[in-house]
Amino acid sequence: MDQDAMANPAKTASPEVVEAAGQELNNALVLSPGVTLTLGPESLLIPDQLVTKPSRSCLPSLGTKKGTPSSIPYYTILWAETSEDRSWLVVDYAHEDSPHHLVVRNLKFAVPAQTAEQTDDYMIKWVESLLKRAYGTAVRRKRAWVLVNPHAGPGGADKIWDKQVKPIFEAARIPMTIVRTTYSGEAVDLAQVLDIDNYDIAIPCSGDGLPHEVFNGLAKRPDARRALSKIAVCHIPCGSGNAMSCNLYGTHRPTLAALAIIKGIPTPLDLVSITQGEERFVSFLSQALGVIADLDLGTENLRWMGAARFTVGFLMLVLQKKTYPCDIAVKVEIEHKESVKRHYRERVTLGSTDVEASNGSGQSRACDGTDADGCPTTSSSPSPSAAVDDGGPGLPPLKYGTVMDKLPEGWELVPYEKLGSFYCGNMAYMAPDANFFSAALANDGLMDLIITQGDVSPLKSVGLQMAVDTGEFFDSPLVTYRKISAYRLIPRNAGKGGYLSIDGEARPFEPFQAEIHQGLGLTLSKNGCFEAPGPLNWDKVTTSERLLA
């Protein structure tokens, strides 16, 4: 999944030629006769005379000579500026010093006294042109509210933030307020009273639990809709579950995610209202009951095994052929898999057209209908969640009421005697390389629902799990995959013990109801969409579609 993490996104396309001092900026900055920095198509080009190779001394005390590259991709450039007297140019950039890990490097160039062709004004505008190419449509120096969970993950979020991530944000000249959380749920309380006019982005450094808290803190405010649409909730992956980062940035590596946030563009994000008992809260990632929830929450006693605990837990459940009887009512919007693929294709095609129009290049990822300002656009596919909006400042009203209300008209409770997994997703990746919801889109106003039965043979269950890795899970005949807008789930053994996971967090094993709100939240993504590749062959036109065309 990290293979494309350093690729230059389309938004870094070269800007129009800038005029300076009555003449066109010619993309060149002369350092000395025959030595020139050049703004190339995709990179800052360094003259051969200044290029040096990195070298490592055999004596540790002498350290490593970093060297000077022949070019610096615009996507990795964090900042550029001149000294007050215009005699020096400094360029800070992110350098991949080892696979999937970035460090800050800087180059300092001596600039000669101004000439008739290269005035101070020319220098200022040349640097500005460099920064435009480096940032494209992304906002520079976004004001960040950073939350660090010191207890997140095996690597220690504190150390990851201080040693790896913070220097990258500092090099990008990002103003930061840093808070270290001290107890579970603290981010909910902090986000409720946050002065949202002082910040542009929130950056939880944790697993997926802290983003869940931030979204819910903003959702509890009297001005919830304004808060959720103004503060872009991002994610530095520091936990055992890092799904948010995988979906938005295509990586679970902290430094690569940091660079993607710095260069990220606003992306509206669907949020799901959950009602359980008298409580209402929001979900940004997933809801699970059955095998997936048991694996997530029921193997905590095996945490010492690391990722192997999921394999051991899965094999134990498969051999038991465990089932989870319940009753489910679903508001289905797209029933069949081929229709789901068609919906995905329509949204991706629409989004790619928008990206091409605003940035000069298309993307083949799930850029589902956002315009140049990051606002959702419409398509021929259903988005029923967008219909309910009373214009009030708080959370949108619930179209289908709460779990405590009578079952909505037209809904039917369907008994599932041998349920294996109920898994509803709002994002594609649930973990690195676990693309369960391959047709998920950031703001199509629909949830992706997967249902599997629990009475299949152990061999088929293992094959189904392997299909997630190969990308064949969506098309498996053992998987029911639908696009929905709301549902109600009633466990048969409610109150008698069981696991219910919402955004990876344990919830009471009791009935609950969910409905989606299109584009209610805001985040930053690398390309204005999820980084997942989509279902296999989603871009192929079917025979029936060809005949009906």
Protein backbone atom coordinates (compact mmCIF):
# COMPACT_ATOMS: atom_id res chain seq x y z
CA MET A 1 0.00 0.00 0.00
CA ASP A 2 2.98 2.33 0.51
CA GLN A 3 4.20 1.95 -3.06
CA ASP A 4 2.58 5.19 -4.23
CA ALA A 5 3.02 7.10 -0.99
CA MET A 6 5.80 9.28 -2.42
CA ALA A 7 4.26 9.73 -5.86
CA ASN A 8 3.55 13.32 -6.90
CA PRO A 9 -0.23 13.89 -6.83
CA ALA A 10 -1.89 15.77 -9.69
CA LYS A 11 -2.37 18.90 -7.65
CA THR A 12 1.33 19.82 -7.92
CA ALA A 13 0.99 20.70 -11.61
CA SER A 14 3.02 23.71 -12.66
CA PRO A 15 1.31 27.11 -12.26
CA GLU A 16 1.09 29.70 -14.98
CA VAL A 17 4.14 31.78 -15.79
CA VAL A 18 4.62 34.65 -13.34
CA GLU A 19 5.68 38.09 -14.51
CA ALA A 20 8.35 39.93 -12.58
CA ALA A 21 10.07 43.28 -13.09
CA GLY A 22 8.30 43.81 -16.42
CA GLN A 23 9.42 40.46 -17.85
CA GLU A 24 8.32 36.83 -17.68
CA LEU A 25 9.80 34.65 -14.97
CA ASN A 26 11.93 32.22 -16.96
CA ASN A 27 12.03 29.53 -14.24
CA ALA A 28 15.75 30.05 -13.69
CA LEU A 29 17.62 31.54 -10.76
CA VAL A 30 21.27 32.29 -11.52
CA LEU A 31 23.61 31.54 -8.61
CA SER A 32 26.81 32.27 -10.54
CA PRO A 33 27.88 32.24 -14.19
CA GLY A 34 26.85 28.85 -15.58
CA VAL A 35 25.26 27.72 -12.29
CA THR A 36 21.45 27.96 -12.28
CA LEU A 37 18.54 26.58 -10.24
CA THR A 38 15.67 25.67 -12.56
CA LEU A 39 11.95 25.10 -11.97
CA GLY A 40 11.45 21.90 -13.96
CA PRO A 41 8.14 20.25 -14.86
CA GLU A 42 7.98 18.13 -11.68
CA SER A 43 11.09 18.99 -9.68
CA LEU A 44 13.48 21.71 -8.65
CA LEU A 45 16.57 21.00 -10.76
CA ILE A 46 19.99 21.40 -9.14
CA PRO A 47 22.96 22.21 -11.42
CA ASP A 48 25.56 19.48 -11.88
CA GLN A 49 28.25 21.66 -10.33
CA LEU A 50 26.44 21.49 -6.95
CA VAL A 51 25.44 17.82 -6.97
CA THR A 52 27.33 15.58 -4.54
CA LYS A 53 26.77 11.99 -3.53
CA PRO A 54 26.10 11.05 0.10
CA SER A 55 28.93 9.19 1.81
CA ARG A 56 29.41 7.48 5.15
CA SER A 57 32.69 7.66 7.01
CA CYS A 58 34.17 4.48 8.45
CA LEU A 59 34.74 6.52 11.62
CA PRO A 60 31.40 7.03 13.46
CA SER A 61 32.64 10.27 14.97
CA LEU A 62 32.84 11.82 11.49
CA GLY A 63 29.20 10.99 10.72
CA THR A 64 27.59 10.93 7.31
CA LYS A 65 27.89 13.45 4.51
CA LYS A 66 24.33 13.96 3.26
CA GLY A 67 25.12 15.05 -0.26
CA THR A 68 23.16 17.26 -2.65
CA PRO A 69 20.61 15.66 -5.02
CA SER A 70 20.29 16.53 -8.70
CA SER A 71 16.60 17.30 -8.26
CA ILE A 72 13.97 17.68 -5.54
CA PRO A 73 10.39 16.62 -6.38
CA TYR A 74 7.95 19.45 -5.72
CA TYR A 75 5.77 17.17 -3.59
CA THR A 76 8.62 16.77 -1.07
CA ILE A 77 9.47 20.49 -0.82
CA LEU A 78 8.27 21.80 2.53
CA TRP A 79 9.37 25.43 2.38
CA ALA A 80 11.63 27.90 0.61
CA GLU A 81 12.67 31.40 1.62
CA THR A 82 15.44 33.95 1.25
CA SER A 83 17.40 35.71 3.92
CA GLU A 84 16.44 39.30 4.70
CA ASP A 85 19.30 40.67 2.61
CA ARG A 86 18.42 38.30 -0.30
CA SER A 87 21.93 36.83 -0.23
CA TRP A 88 20.86 33.28 0.67
CA LEU A 89 18.14 30.92 -0.52
CA VAL A 90 17.11 28.07 1.81
CA VAL A 91 15.01 25.11 0.64
CA ASP A 92 13.64 22.63 3.22
CA TYR A 93 12.45 19.29 1.90
CA ALA A 94 11.51 15.78 3.04
CA HIS A 95 14.11 13.17 2.11
CA GLU A 96 13.49 9.41 2.15
CA ASP A 97 16.56 8.23 4.06
CA SER A 98 15.21 4.68 4.39
CA PRO A 99 12.20 2.85 2.95
CA HIS A 100 8.94 4.48 4.07
CA HIS A 101 10.69 6.99 6.36
CA LEU A 102 11.29 10.69 5.75
CA VAL A 103 13.66 13.15 7.41
CA VAL A 104 14.02 16.90 6.96
CA ARG A 105 16.92 18.11 4.85
CA ASN A 106 17.74 21.62 3.74
CA LEU A 107 19.88 23.16 1.05
CA LYS A 108 21.36 26.63 1.34
CA PHE A 109 22.42 28.49 -1.79
CA ALA A 110 24.43 31.71 -1.95
CA VAL A 111 22.76 34.19 -4.29
CA PRO A 112 24.84 36.97 -5.95
CA ALA A 113 23.99 40.64 -5.73
CA GLN A 114 21.03 41.70 -7.85
CA THR A 115 21.47 42.51 -11.52
CA ALA A 116 19.29 44.21 -14.10
CA GLU A 117 17.85 40.81 -15.05
CA GLN A 118 17.63 39.35 -11.55
CA THR A 119 16.25 41.94 -9.17
CA ASP A 120 14.99 41.49 -5.59
CA ASP A 121 11.47 41.46 -7.00
CA TYR A 122 12.42 38.67 -9.39
CA MET A 123 13.91 36.65 -6.51
CA ILE A 124 10.75 37.00 -4.38
CA LYS A 125 8.50 35.91 -7.22
CA TRP A 126 10.77 33.04 -8.18
CA VAL A 127 10.51 31.67 -4.63
CA GLU A 128 6.74 32.18 -4.72
CA SER A 129 6.56 30.28 -8.00
CA LEU A 130 8.54 27.44 -6.41
CA LEU A 131 6.11 27.29 -3.47
CA LYS A 132 3.11 27.31 -5.81
CA ARG A 133 4.51 24.31 -7.61
CA ALA A 134 5.27 22.62 -4.30
CA TYR A 135 1.78 23.13 -2.82
CA GLY A 136 -0.54 23.39 -5.82
CA THR A 137 -4.10 23.79 -4.48
CA ALA A 138 -3.10 22.85 -0.91
CA VAL A 139 -3.17 25.56 1.76
CA ARG A 140 0.22 26.45 3.20
CA ARG A 141 0.94 26.81 6.91
CA LYS A 142 -2.37 25.32 8.07
CA ARG A 143 -2.96 26.06 11.77
CA ALA A 144 -2.82 22.71 13.57
CA TRP A 145 -4.32 21.43 16.80
CA VAL A 146 -2.24 18.36 17.59
CA LEU A 147 -3.37 15.63 20.00
CA VAL A 148 -0.81 13.03 21.07
CA ASN A 149 -1.90 9.86 22.86
CA PRO A 150 1.27 8.79 24.71
CA HIS A 151 -0.08 5.27 25.19
CA ALA A 152 -1.04 4.58 21.57
CA GLY A 153 0.46 1.64 19.73
CA PRO A 154 3.61 -0.39 20.34
CA GLY A 155 6.05 2.28 19.16
CA GLY A 156 5.09 5.05 21.56
CA ALA A 157 3.23 7.97 19.96
CA ASP A 158 5.22 10.45 22.07
CA LYS A 159 8.52 9.40 20.54
CA ILE A 160 7.09 9.12 17.04
CA TRP A 161 5.70 12.66 17.27
CA ASP A 162 8.75 14.30 18.84
CA LYS A 163 11.48 12.60 16.81
CA GLN A 164 9.88 11.82 13.44
CA VAL A 165 6.80 13.91 12.74
CA LYS A 166 7.14 17.24 14.53
CA PRO A 167 10.34 18.24 12.66
CA ILE A 168 8.52 17.81 9.33
CA PHE A 169 5.65 20.08 10.39
CA GLU A 170 8.13 22.62 11.77
CA ALA A 171 10.02 22.66 8.48
CA ALA A 172 6.72 23.39 6.68
CA ARG A 173 6.30 26.40 9.02
CA ILE A 174 2.99 25.06 10.40
CA PRO A 175 1.77 26.82 13.58
CA MET A 176 0.97 24.14 16.17
CA THR A 177 -0.75 23.78 19.52
CA ILE A 178 0.26 20.42 21.00
CA VAL A 179 -1.80 18.59 23.63
CA ARG A 180 -0.91 15.26 25.21
CA THR A 181 -4.00 13.37 26.28
CA THR A 182 -4.08 11.79 29.73
CA TYR A 183 -7.26 9.70 29.79
CA SER A 184 -9.65 7.93 27.44
CA GLY A 185 -12.34 10.29 26.15
CA GLU A 186 -10.38 13.47 26.90
CA ALA A 187 -10.31 14.47 23.22
CA VAL A 188 -14.13 14.49 23.22
CA ASP A 189 -14.15 17.02 26.04
CA LEU A 190 -11.39 19.15 24.48
CA ALA A 191 -12.98 19.25 21.02
CA GLN A 192 -16.31 20.36 22.54
CA VAL A 193 -14.76 23.61 23.82
CA LEU A 194 -12.11 24.14 21.14
CA ASP A 195 -11.95 27.65 19.66
CA ILE A 196 -12.41 26.49 16.08
CA ASP A 197 -11.62 29.93 14.65
CA ASN A 198 -8.01 29.50 15.79
CA TYR A 199 -7.38 26.29 13.82
CA ASP A 200 -7.71 24.75 10.39
CA ILE A 201 -6.86 21.11 11.10
CA ALA A 202 -6.89 18.65 13.99
CA ILE A 203 -4.12 16.04 14.00
CA PRO A 204 -4.61 13.08 16.35
CA CYS A 205 -1.38 11.06 16.76
CA SER A 206 -2.71 7.66 17.72
CA GLY A 207 -4.65 4.71 16.38
CA ASP A 208 -8.18 5.23 15.06
CA GLY A 209 -9.61 5.81 18.53
CA LEU A 210 -8.48 9.43 18.88
CA PRO A 211 -9.95 10.60 15.53
CA HIS A 212 -13.22 8.96 16.68
CA GLU A 213 -13.09 11.08 19.84
CA VAL A 214 -12.34 14.30 17.95
CA PHE A 215 -15.23 13.78 15.52
CA ASN A 216 -17.56 13.11 18.45
CA GLY A 217 -16.35 16.10 20.43
CA LEU A 218 -17.06 18.37 17.45
CA ALA A 219 -20.44 16.63 16.97
CA LYS A 220 -21.50 17.40 20.55
CA ARG A 221 -21.07 21.16 20.12
CA PRO A 222 -24.04 23.51 19.69
CA ASP A 223 -22.40 24.60 16.40
CA ALA A 224 -21.65 21.01 15.37
CA ARG A 225 -22.23 21.45 11.65
CA ARG A 226 -19.95 24.47 11.41
CA ALA A 227 -17.27 22.81 13.53
CA LEU A 228 -17.35 19.58 11.53
CA SER A 229 -17.17 21.45 8.22
CA LYS A 230 -14.39 23.82 9.33
CA ILE A 231 -11.91 21.63 11.21
CA ALA A 232 -10.32 19.04 8.94
CA VAL A 233 -9.69 15.97 11.10
CA CYS A 234 -6.48 14.23 9.98
CA HIS A 235 -4.43 11.33 11.36
CA ILE A 236 -0.82 10.53 12.17
CA PRO A 237 -0.75 6.71 12.46
CA CYS A 238 0.77 5.69 15.80
CA GLY A 239 -1.52 2.89 16.94
CA SER A 240 -2.25 -0.74 16.26
CA GLY A 241 -5.17 0.27 14.03
CA ASN A 242 -4.37 2.99 11.48
CA ALA A 243 -7.19 2.67 8.96
CA MET A 244 -7.84 6.40 8.60
CA SER A 245 -4.30 7.11 7.47
CA CYS A 246 -4.32 4.15 5.07
CA ASN A 247 -7.44 5.45 3.34
CA LEU A 248 -6.52 9.14 3.15
CA TYR A 249 -2.77 8.97 2.54
CA GLY A 250 -2.16 5.44 1.25
CA THR A 251 0.23 4.65 4.08
CA HIS A 252 0.43 3.68 7.74
CA ARG A 253 3.91 5.22 8.07
CA PRO A 254 3.93 8.35 10.30
CA THR A 255 6.34 10.53 8.29
CA LEU A 256 4.68 9.76 4.95
CA ALA A 257 1.32 10.63 6.50
CA ALA A 258 2.76 13.90 7.82
CA LEU A 259 3.87 14.95 4.34
CA ALA A 260 0.47 14.00 2.91
CA ILE A 261 -1.26 16.20 5.52
CA ILE A 262 1.03 19.13 4.74
CA LYS A 263 0.19 18.80 1.04
CA GLY A 264 -3.37 17.55 1.67
CA ILE A 265 -6.49 19.04 0.11
CA PRO A 266 -9.91 19.45 1.80
CA THR A 267 -12.16 16.42 1.33
CA PRO A 268 -15.75 16.24 2.64
CA LEU A 269 -16.35 13.01 4.55
CA ASP A 270 -19.59 11.14 5.21
CA LEU A 271 -20.32 10.56 8.90
CA VAL A 272 -22.76 8.06 10.39
CA SER A 273 -25.14 8.84 13.26
CA ILE A 274 -25.44 5.93 15.71
CA THR A 275 -28.27 5.79 18.26
CA GLN A 276 -28.13 3.28 21.10
CA GLY A 277 -30.48 3.64 24.03
CA GLU A 278 -30.83 7.36 24.62
CA GLU A 279 -27.37 8.15 23.25
CA ARG A 280 -26.46 9.57 19.84
CA PHE A 281 -22.90 9.70 18.55
CA VAL A 282 -21.06 9.57 15.21
CA SER A 283 -18.95 6.96 13.45
CA PHE A 284 -16.41 7.75 10.74
CA LEU A 285 -14.95 4.30 10.04
CA SER A 286 -17.01 1.13 10.63
CA GLN A 287 -19.49 -0.84 12.70
CA ALA A 288 -19.02 -4.57 13.27
CA LEU A 289 -20.79 -7.46 14.97
CA GLY A 290 -19.76 -11.10 14.61
CA VAL A 291 -16.40 -12.58 13.67
CA ILE A 292 -14.76 -9.23 12.84
CA ALA A 293 -15.81 -7.67 16.17
CA ASP A 294 -14.68 -10.76 18.07
CA LEU A 295 -11.29 -10.61 16.36
CA ASP A 296 -10.93 -6.90 17.09
CA LEU A 297 -12.13 -6.85 20.69
CA GLY A 298 -12.11 -10.46 21.82
CA THR A 299 -8.39 -11.06 21.41
CA GLU A 300 -7.16 -8.33 23.76
CA ASN A 301 -5.78 -11.07 26.03
CA LEU A 302 -3.52 -12.13 23.15
CA ARG A 303 -2.15 -8.63 22.48
CA TRP A 304 1.31 -9.83 23.51
CA MET A 305 1.34 -11.86 20.26
CA GLY A 306 1.20 -8.71 18.11
CA ALA A 307 -0.58 -9.05 14.77
CA ALA A 308 -0.47 -12.84 15.11
CA ARG A 309 -3.32 -12.62 17.64
CA PHE A 310 -5.77 -11.99 14.80
CA THR A 311 -4.65 -15.12 12.97
CA VAL A 312 -4.91 -17.26 16.10
CA GLY A 313 -8.29 -15.77 17.01
CA PHE A 314 -9.61 -16.25 13.48
CA LEU A 315 -8.63 -19.92 13.39
CA MET A 316 -10.30 -20.52 16.76
CA LEU A 317 -13.56 -18.94 15.57
CA VAL A 318 -13.45 -20.78 12.22
CA LEU A 319 -13.07 -24.15 13.90
CA GLN A 320 -15.99 -23.36 16.20
CA LYS A 321 -18.20 -22.28 13.25
CA LYS A 322 -19.49 -19.62 15.60
CA THR A 323 -22.67 -17.79 14.59
CA TYR A 324 -24.33 -14.63 15.88
CA PRO A 325 -28.14 -14.71 15.62
CA CYS A 326 -29.75 -11.31 15.23
CA ASP A 327 -32.49 -9.36 13.45
CA ILE A 328 -31.54 -6.69 10.91
CA ALA A 329 -33.55 -4.08 9.00
CA VAL A 330 -31.70 -2.28 6.19
CA LYS A 331 -32.55 0.71 3.94
CA VAL A 332 -30.91 -0.58 0.77
CA GLU A 333 -30.03 1.91 -1.98
CA ILE A 334 -27.94 -0.28 -4.33
CA GLU A 335 -28.65 -4.00 -4.14
CA HIS A 336 -26.43 -5.92 -6.56
CA LYS A 337 -22.65 -6.02 -6.92
CA GLU A 338 -22.62 -5.03 -10.59
CA SER A 339 -24.77 -2.00 -9.72
CA VAL A 340 -22.37 -1.15 -6.89
CA LYS A 341 -19.46 -1.27 -9.36
CA ARG A 342 -21.40 0.93 -11.79
CA HIS A 343 -22.06 3.48 -9.02
CA TYR A 344 -18.38 3.40 -8.10
CA ARG A 345 -17.35 3.88 -11.73
CA GLU A 346 -19.73 6.84 -12.18
CA ARG A 347 -18.42 8.58 -9.07
CA VAL A 348 -14.76 7.91 -9.88
CA THR A 349 -15.20 9.12 -13.46
CA LEU A 350 -16.95 12.26 -12.25
CA GLY A 351 -14.28 12.90 -9.63
CA SER A 352 -11.44 12.33 -12.09
CA THR A 353 -13.00 14.87 -14.44
CA ASP A 354 -13.13 17.42 -11.63
CA VAL A 355 -9.50 16.77 -10.69
CA GLU A 356 -8.42 17.11 -14.31
CA ALA A 357 -10.33 20.37 -14.70
CA SER A 358 -8.82 21.96 -11.61
CA ASN A 359 -5.30 20.49 -11.67
CA GLY A 360 -4.54 19.61 -15.26
CA SER A 361 -4.36 15.87 -14.64
CA GLY A 362 -6.77 13.06 -13.79
CA GLN A 363 -6.58 10.45 -11.06
CA SER A 364 -7.63 6.82 -11.25
CA ARG A 365 -8.58 6.59 -7.59
CA ALA A 366 -11.95 6.99 -5.92
CA CYS A 367 -12.26 10.76 -6.23
CA ASP A 368 -16.00 10.73 -5.84
CA GLY A 369 -17.41 13.99 -7.01
CA THR A 370 -15.72 16.94 -5.33
CA ASP A 371 -15.31 20.23 -7.12
CA ALA A 372 -12.29 22.54 -7.17
CA ASP A 373 -13.28 23.92 -3.76
CA GLY A 374 -13.59 20.48 -2.23
CA CYS A 375 -17.40 20.51 -2.19
CA PRO A 376 -19.46 17.45 -3.09
CA THR A 377 -20.94 17.35 -6.57
CA THR A 378 -23.96 15.37 -7.68
CA SER A 379 -24.27 12.25 -9.80
CA SER A 380 -27.02 10.06 -11.15
CA SER A 381 -26.52 7.60 -8.28
CA PRO A 382 -28.64 7.89 -5.11
CA SER A 383 -27.48 9.97 -2.17
CA PRO A 384 -30.59 9.93 0.03
CA SER A 385 -28.76 11.14 3.12
CA ALA A 386 -28.43 14.63 1.63
CA ALA A 387 -32.19 15.15 1.75
CA VAL A 388 -32.54 15.97 5.46
CA ASP A 389 -31.20 19.40 6.43
CA ASP A 390 -33.12 21.88 8.58
CA GLY A 391 -30.39 24.50 8.34
CA GLY A 392 -29.79 24.40 12.09
CA PRO A 393 -26.36 24.66 13.73
CA GLY A 394 -26.32 21.29 15.50
CA LEU A 395 -26.20 17.80 14.04
CA PRO A 396 -28.66 17.18 11.18
CA PRO A 397 -32.03 15.75 12.26
CA LEU A 398 -32.45 11.99 11.97
CA LYS A 399 -34.49 11.03 8.94
CA TYR A 400 -35.37 7.61 10.40
CA GLY A 401 -35.54 8.46 14.09
CA THR A 402 -33.68 6.51 16.77
CA VAL A 403 -33.39 2.87 17.76
CA MET A 404 -36.00 3.57 20.46
CA ASP A 405 -38.63 4.57 17.89
CA LYS A 406 -41.01 2.35 15.97
CA LEU A 407 -39.43 0.67 12.96
CA PRO A 408 -39.54 3.19 10.06
CA GLU A 409 -42.22 2.69 7.45
CA GLY A 410 -41.13 0.33 4.68
CA TRP A 411 -38.44 -1.32 6.79
CA GLU A 412 -38.59 -5.04 7.53
CA LEU A 413 -36.71 -6.90 10.23
CA VAL A 414 -35.04 -9.92 8.66
CA PRO A 415 -33.93 -12.76 10.96
CA TYR A 416 -30.34 -13.97 10.57
CA GLU A 417 -30.04 -17.24 12.43
CA LYS A 418 -26.49 -18.10 11.36
CA LEU A 419 -24.83 -14.73 10.85
CA GLY A 420 -21.04 -14.87 10.60
CA SER A 421 -20.23 -11.17 10.24
CA PHE A 422 -22.17 -7.94 9.98
CA TYR A 423 -19.64 -5.37 8.81
CA CYS A 424 -20.61 -1.86 7.72
CA GLY A 425 -17.91 0.50 6.46
CA ASN A 426 -17.48 4.17 5.69
CA MET A 427 -13.90 3.76 4.44
CA ALA A 428 -12.19 1.12 2.31
CA TYR A 429 -9.13 -0.03 4.28
CA MET A 430 -9.75 -1.34 7.79
CA ALA A 431 -6.04 -2.02 8.28
CA PRO A 432 -2.96 -1.90 6.03
CA ASP A 433 -3.68 -4.15 3.04
CA ALA A 434 -7.14 -5.09 4.41
CA ASN A 435 -9.36 -3.50 1.76
CA PHE A 436 -12.70 -4.91 2.97
CA PHE A 437 -14.90 -2.16 1.53
CA SER A 438 -13.30 -1.77 -1.87
CA ALA A 439 -16.25 0.22 -3.31
CA ALA A 440 -16.34 2.74 -0.43
CA LEU A 441 -16.29 6.42 -1.37
CA ALA A 442 -15.50 9.41 0.81
CA ASN A 443 -18.72 11.34 0.27
CA ASP A 444 -21.28 9.45 -1.80
CA GLY A 445 -23.82 9.52 1.05
CA LEU A 446 -23.85 5.72 1.32
CA MET A 447 -22.46 3.08 3.65
CA ASP A 448 -21.04 -0.21 2.36
CA LEU A 449 -22.55 -3.26 4.05
CA ILE A 450 -20.99 -6.73 4.06
CA ILE A 451 -22.82 -9.77 5.44
CA THR A 452 -21.39 -13.30 5.60
CA GLN A 453 -22.82 -16.49 7.07
CA GLY A 454 -21.11 -18.34 9.89
CA ASP A 455 -22.03 -21.92 8.97
CA VAL A 456 -19.55 -22.31 6.10
CA SER A 457 -16.72 -24.83 6.20
CA PRO A 458 -13.40 -23.88 7.82
CA LEU A 459 -11.67 -24.23 4.45
CA LYS A 460 -14.05 -21.77 2.79
CA SER A 461 -13.71 -19.37 5.73
CA VAL A 462 -9.92 -19.38 5.38
CA GLY A 463 -10.25 -18.86 1.63
CA LEU A 464 -12.59 -15.93 2.23
CA GLN A 465 -10.08 -14.30 4.55
CA MET A 466 -7.30 -14.80 1.98
CA ALA A 467 -9.53 -13.16 -0.65
CA VAL A 468 -9.19 -9.86 1.23
CA ASP A 469 -5.44 -9.89 0.52
CA THR A 470 -5.88 -10.78 -3.16
CA GLY A 471 -8.64 -8.23 -3.84
CA GLU A 472 -11.18 -10.96 -4.66
CA PHE A 473 -13.26 -10.55 -1.49
CA PHE A 474 -15.86 -8.24 -3.11
CA ASP A 475 -16.70 -10.78 -5.83
CA SER A 476 -16.83 -13.84 -3.57
CA PRO A 477 -20.22 -15.61 -3.71
CA LEU A 478 -19.96 -15.98 0.08
CA VAL A 479 -20.12 -12.19 0.50
CA THR A 480 -23.27 -10.06 0.29
CA TYR A 481 -22.17 -6.49 -0.59
CA ARG A 482 -24.69 -3.61 -0.76
CA LYS A 483 -24.79 0.18 -0.61
CA ILE A 484 -27.18 1.37 2.11
CA SER A 485 -28.27 4.59 3.81
CA ALA A 486 -29.52 3.30 7.19
CA TYR A 487 -30.12 0.17 9.24
CA ARG A 488 -31.21 -1.22 12.59
CA LEU A 489 -29.49 -4.20 14.22
CA ILE A 490 -30.92 -6.17 17.17
CA PRO A 491 -28.67 -8.89 18.65
CA ARG A 492 -30.66 -11.90 19.90
CA ASN A 493 -28.51 -12.23 23.00
CA ALA A 494 -28.43 -8.51 23.79
CA GLY A 495 -27.32 -7.81 27.33
CA LYS A 496 -25.89 -11.33 27.78
CA GLY A 497 -22.36 -10.58 26.61
CA GLY A 498 -20.91 -10.13 23.16
CA TYR A 499 -18.79 -7.77 21.13
CA LEU A 500 -19.95 -4.73 19.19
CA SER A 501 -17.20 -2.64 17.60
CA ILE A 502 -17.77 0.90 16.33
CA ASP A 503 -14.68 2.59 14.86
CA GLY A 504 -12.70 -0.10 16.66
CA GLU A 505 -14.11 0.92 20.04
CA ALA A 506 -16.16 -1.44 22.24
CA ARG A 507 -19.85 -0.54 22.64
CA PRO A 508 -22.61 -2.24 24.68
CA PHE A 509 -23.89 -5.42 23.05
CA GLU A 510 -27.35 -3.94 22.58
CA PRO A 511 -29.64 -2.87 19.68
CA PHE A 512 -28.53 0.18 17.72
CA GLN A 513 -29.52 2.12 14.61
CA ALA A 514 -27.39 3.96 12.06
CA GLU A 515 -27.95 6.47 9.27
CA ILE A 516 -25.46 8.33 7.14
CA HIS A 517 -25.01 12.10 6.56
CA GLN A 518 -23.37 13.00 3.27
CA GLY A 519 -20.27 15.20 3.57
CA LEU A 520 -20.99 16.17 7.19
CA GLY A 521 -17.33 15.89 8.20
CA LEU A 522 -14.11 17.28 6.74
CA THR A 523 -10.65 15.81 6.37
CA LEU A 524 -7.53 16.24 4.26
CA SER A 525 -6.57 13.61 1.72
CA LYS A 526 -3.70 13.19 -0.67
CA ASN A 527 -5.79 13.35 -3.82
CA GLY A 528 -9.26 14.45 -2.71
CA CYS A 529 -10.39 10.83 -2.35
CA PHE A 530 -9.58 7.46 -0.80
CA GLU A 531 -6.35 5.77 -1.88
CA ALA A 532 -7.89 2.28 -2.18
CA PRO A 533 -7.84 0.76 -5.69
CA GLY A 534 -11.56 -0.17 -5.90
CA PRO A 535 -13.19 -3.53 -6.70
CA LEU A 536 -11.51 -5.74 -9.28
CA ASN A 537 -12.47 -4.75 -12.83
CA TRP A 538 -14.62 -1.84 -11.65
CA ASP A 539 -13.61 0.09 -14.77
CA LYS A 540 -14.82 -2.62 -17.17
CA VAL A 541 -18.17 -2.11 -18.94
CA THR A 542 -20.44 -5.15 -18.58
CA THR A 543 -22.25 -6.83 -21.49
CA SER A 544 -25.65 -5.66 -20.21
CA GLU A 545 -24.43 -2.07 -19.94
CA ARG A 546 -23.05 -2.26 -23.48
CA LEU A 547 -26.38 -3.58 -24.82
CA LEU A 548 -28.37 -0.88 -23.01
CA ALA A 549 -26.05 1.96 -24.06
